[in-house]
Amino acid sequence: MKVYIRDAYNKVAQKILNFLKLIFCKIFKSLLDKAWIWINNKDLEFDNGPKSKLQIKKQMLYLSV
């Protein structure tokens, strides 16, 4: 009987974790999208001078991998 109860708790815990992971991924993706839009709309300058939008995109893709 104890084994069945533990399996039930594990299944419930797994469903809760999957739900939290889904929510976290959606929030994180929306924040990344907002940051991406902000970077594309800004003319950013770094220490070595201004960079083109293509260079910024390449840098962002490199950082995300």
C-alpha atoms as a PDB file:
ATOM      1  CA  MET A   1       0.000   0.000   0.000  1.00  0.00           C
ATOM      2  CA  LYS A   2       2.833   2.395   0.838  1.00  0.00           C
ATOM      3  CA  VAL A   3       4.375   1.899  -2.595  1.00  0.00           C
ATOM      4  CA  TYR A   4       1.160   2.959  -4.320  1.00  0.00           C
ATOM      5  CA  ILE A   5       0.880   6.108  -2.188  1.00  0.00           C
ATOM      6  CA  ARG A   6       4.493   7.033  -2.937  1.00  0.00           C
ATOM      7  CA  ASP A   7       3.904   6.525  -6.682  1.00  0.00           C
ATOM      8  CA  ALA A   8       0.817   8.728  -6.514  1.00  0.00           C
ATOM      9  CA  TYR A   9       2.771  11.456  -4.724  1.00  0.00           C
ATOM     10  CA  ASN A  10       5.553  11.183  -7.306  1.00  0.00           C
ATOM     11  CA  LYS A  11       3.080  11.552 -10.174  1.00  0.00           C
ATOM     12  CA  VAL A  12       1.451  14.602  -8.572  1.00  0.00           C
ATOM     13  CA  ALA A  13       4.844  16.154  -7.842  1.00  0.00           C
ATOM     14  CA  GLN A  14       5.955  15.511 -11.434  1.00  0.00           C
ATOM     15  CA  LYS A  15       2.816  17.186 -12.813  1.00  0.00           C
ATOM     16  CA  ILE A  16       3.353  20.210 -10.544  1.00  0.00           C
ATOM     17  CA  LEU A  17       6.998  20.474 -11.635  1.00  0.00           C
ATOM     18  CA  ASN A  18       6.035  20.245 -15.310  1.00  0.00           C
ATOM     19  CA  PHE A  19       3.447  22.991 -14.806  1.00  0.00           C
ATOM     20  CA  LEU A  20       5.967  25.257 -13.050  1.00  0.00           C
ATOM     21  CA  LYS A  21       8.535  24.568 -15.763  1.00  0.00           C
ATOM     22  CA  LEU A  22       5.994  25.525 -18.436  1.00  0.00           C
ATOM     23  CA  ILE A  23       5.155  28.795 -16.654  1.00  0.00           C
ATOM     24  CA  PHE A  24       8.844  29.624 -16.128  1.00  0.00           C
ATOM     25  CA  CYS A  25       9.674  28.936 -19.791  1.00  0.00           C
ATOM     26  CA  LYS A  26       6.827  31.178 -20.988  1.00  0.00           C
ATOM     27  CA  ILE A  27       7.891  34.037 -18.683  1.00  0.00           C
ATOM     28  CA  PHE A  28      11.542  33.646 -19.669  1.00  0.00           C
ATOM     29  CA  LYS A  29      10.682  33.572 -23.383  1.00  0.00           C
ATOM     30  CA  SER A  30       8.545  36.712 -23.107  1.00  0.00           C
ATOM     31  CA  LEU A  31      11.376  38.502 -21.276  1.00  0.00           C
ATOM     32  CA  LEU A  32      13.836  37.441 -23.974  1.00  0.00           C
ATOM     33  CA  ASP A  33      11.474  38.681 -26.679  1.00  0.00           C
ATOM     34  CA  LYS A  34      11.135  42.051 -24.923  1.00  0.00           C
ATOM     35  CA  ALA A  35      14.910  42.332 -24.538  1.00  0.00           C
ATOM     36  CA  TRP A  36      15.364  41.417 -28.216  1.00  0.00           C
ATOM     37  CA  ILE A  37      12.901  44.133 -29.290  1.00  0.00           C
ATOM     38  CA  TRP A  38      14.628  46.654 -27.008  1.00  0.00           C
ATOM     39  CA  ILE A  39      18.053  45.814 -28.461  1.00  0.00           C
ATOM     40  CA  ASN A  40      16.769  46.066 -32.032  1.00  0.00           C
ATOM     41  CA  ASN A  41      15.195  49.468 -31.356  1.00  0.00           C
ATOM     42  CA  LYS A  42      18.216  50.922 -29.558  1.00  0.00           C
ATOM     43  CA  ASP A  43      21.411  52.182 -31.125  1.00  0.00           C
ATOM     44  CA  LEU A  44      23.823  50.582 -28.701  1.00  0.00           C
ATOM     45  CA  GLU A  45      27.432  51.605 -28.373  1.00  0.00           C
ATOM     46  CA  PHE A  46      30.040  49.435 -26.746  1.00  0.00           C
ATOM     47  CA  ASP A  47      33.620  50.066 -25.655  1.00  0.00           C
ATOM     48  CA  ASN A  48      34.971  49.419 -29.132  1.00  0.00           C
ATOM     49  CA  GLY A  49      32.450  51.704 -30.823  1.00  0.00           C
ATOM     50  CA  PRO A  50      29.013  51.244 -32.341  1.00  0.00           C
ATOM     51  CA  LYS A  51      28.023  47.860 -33.693  1.00  0.00           C
ATOM     52  CA  SER A  52      25.612  47.077 -36.447  1.00  0.00           C
ATOM     53  CA  LYS A  53      22.343  45.322 -35.662  1.00  0.00           C
ATOM     54  CA  LEU A  54      23.613  42.208 -37.448  1.00  0.00           C
ATOM     55  CA  GLN A  55      26.656  42.041 -35.167  1.00  0.00           C
ATOM     56  CA  ILE A  56      24.430  42.451 -32.103  1.00  0.00           C
ATOM     57  CA  LYS A  57      22.161  39.635 -33.337  1.00  0.00           C
ATOM     58  CA  LYS A  58      25.154  37.364 -33.889  1.00  0.00           C
ATOM     59  CA  GLN A  59      26.417  38.186 -30.407  1.00  0.00           C
ATOM     60  CA  MET A  60      22.996  37.483 -28.869  1.00  0.00           C
ATOM     61  CA  LEU A  61      22.733  34.163 -30.718  1.00  0.00           C
ATOM     62  CA  TYR A  62      26.213  33.230 -29.528  1.00  0.00           C
ATOM     63  CA  LEU A  63      25.312  34.090 -25.929  1.00  0.00           C
ATOM     64  CA  SER A  64      22.062  32.130 -26.080  1.00  0.00           C
ATOM     65  CA  VAL A  65      23.805  28.921 -27.190  1.00  0.00           C
END
